[in-house]
Protein backbone atom coordinates (compact mmCIF):
# COMPACT_ATOMS: atom_id res chain seq x y z
CA MET A 1 0.00 0.00 0.00
CA ASN A 2 1.48 3.35 -0.99
CA ILE A 3 1.17 6.58 0.96
CA LEU A 4 -1.75 7.82 -1.15
CA GLU A 5 -3.74 4.65 -0.51
CA ILE A 6 -2.97 4.89 3.20
CA GLY A 7 -4.22 8.49 3.26
CA ILE A 8 -7.38 7.58 1.38
CA GLU A 9 -8.09 4.69 3.76
CA LYS A 10 -7.54 6.92 6.81
CA GLY A 11 -9.90 9.51 5.35
CA ARG A 12 -12.51 6.85 4.69
CA GLN A 13 -12.24 5.50 8.24
CA ASP A 14 -12.47 9.01 9.70
CA GLY A 15 -15.55 9.70 7.57
CA LEU A 16 -17.23 6.52 8.75
CA LYS A 17 -16.49 7.38 12.37
CA ILE A 18 -17.97 10.87 11.99
CA GLY A 19 -21.00 9.49 10.15
CA ARG A 20 -21.71 6.95 12.86
CA ALA A 21 -21.41 9.59 15.58
CA GLU A 22 -23.79 11.92 13.71
CA GLY A 23 -26.24 9.09 13.15
CA GLU A 24 -26.28 8.16 16.82
CA ALA A 25 -26.67 11.80 17.88
CA ILE A 26 -29.55 12.32 15.42
CA LYS A 27 -31.28 9.22 16.77
CA LEU A 28 -30.97 10.44 20.38
CA VAL A 29 -32.16 13.96 19.52
CA SER A 30 -35.15 12.50 17.69
CA MET A 31 -36.08 10.24 20.61
CA ILE A 32 -35.69 13.08 23.13
CA ARG A 33 -37.81 15.39 20.93
CA ARG A 34 -40.62 12.81 20.70
CA LYS A 35 -40.60 12.17 24.45
CA LEU A 36 -40.55 15.90 25.14
CA GLU A 37 -43.58 16.35 22.85
CA LYS A 38 -45.37 13.69 24.93
CA GLY A 39 -44.79 15.88 27.98
CA LEU A 40 -42.20 13.74 29.75
CA SER A 41 -39.85 15.37 32.24
CA VAL A 42 -36.06 15.51 31.91
CA THR A 43 -35.73 12.80 34.55
CA ALA A 44 -38.31 10.54 32.87
CA ILE A 45 -36.59 10.93 29.49
CA SER A 46 -33.18 10.31 31.04
CA GLU A 47 -34.37 7.14 32.73
CA ALA A 48 -36.21 5.87 29.65
CA LEU A 49 -33.21 6.39 27.38
CA GLU A 50 -30.57 5.60 30.02
CA LEU A 51 -28.87 8.98 29.53
CA GLU A 52 -27.48 11.57 31.92
CA ASP A 53 -29.94 14.28 33.00
CA ALA A 54 -27.45 16.98 31.96
CA TYR A 55 -27.21 15.63 28.39
CA VAL A 56 -30.99 15.39 28.03
CA GLN A 57 -31.37 18.93 29.41
CA LYS A 58 -28.79 20.23 26.93
CA VAL A 59 -30.67 18.64 24.04
CA ILE A 60 -33.98 20.00 25.30
CA ASN A 61 -32.47 23.49 25.57
CA LEU A 62 -31.29 23.28 21.96
CA ILE A 63 -34.70 22.04 20.80
CA THR A 64 -36.65 24.71 22.62
CA GLU A 65 -34.39 27.69 21.87
CA ASP A 66 -35.10 27.32 18.13
CA SER A 67 -37.82 24.84 17.25
CA SER A 68 -37.04 25.21 13.54
CA LYS A 69 -33.67 23.44 13.98
CA SER A 70 -33.65 19.94 12.58
CA ASP A 71 -32.42 16.92 14.49
CA LEU A 72 -29.33 16.93 12.25
CA GLU A 73 -28.55 20.57 13.06
CA ILE A 74 -28.87 19.90 16.78
CA ALA A 75 -26.74 16.74 16.49
CA LYS A 76 -23.98 18.71 14.78
CA ILE A 77 -24.03 21.28 17.59
CA LEU A 78 -23.76 18.51 20.17
CA LEU A 79 -20.78 16.95 18.39
CA ARG A 80 -18.73 20.15 18.26
């Protein structure tokens, strides 16, 4: 494998890693949004999804500060 192929493979692996992280974050944001719309509390959402209260609260803050933001936009903010 030459240096170019090594660089391409590293880039591909990095891209997959980022894509997986975004996908997982989008899924969590979506689940939190749905549970929030059902009127569940931070603690209830945290327990249901087995997440830390602080993380759920952060997501809820992002959802409520601008309801026009998509799950993807919120996920990208969380991953910064």
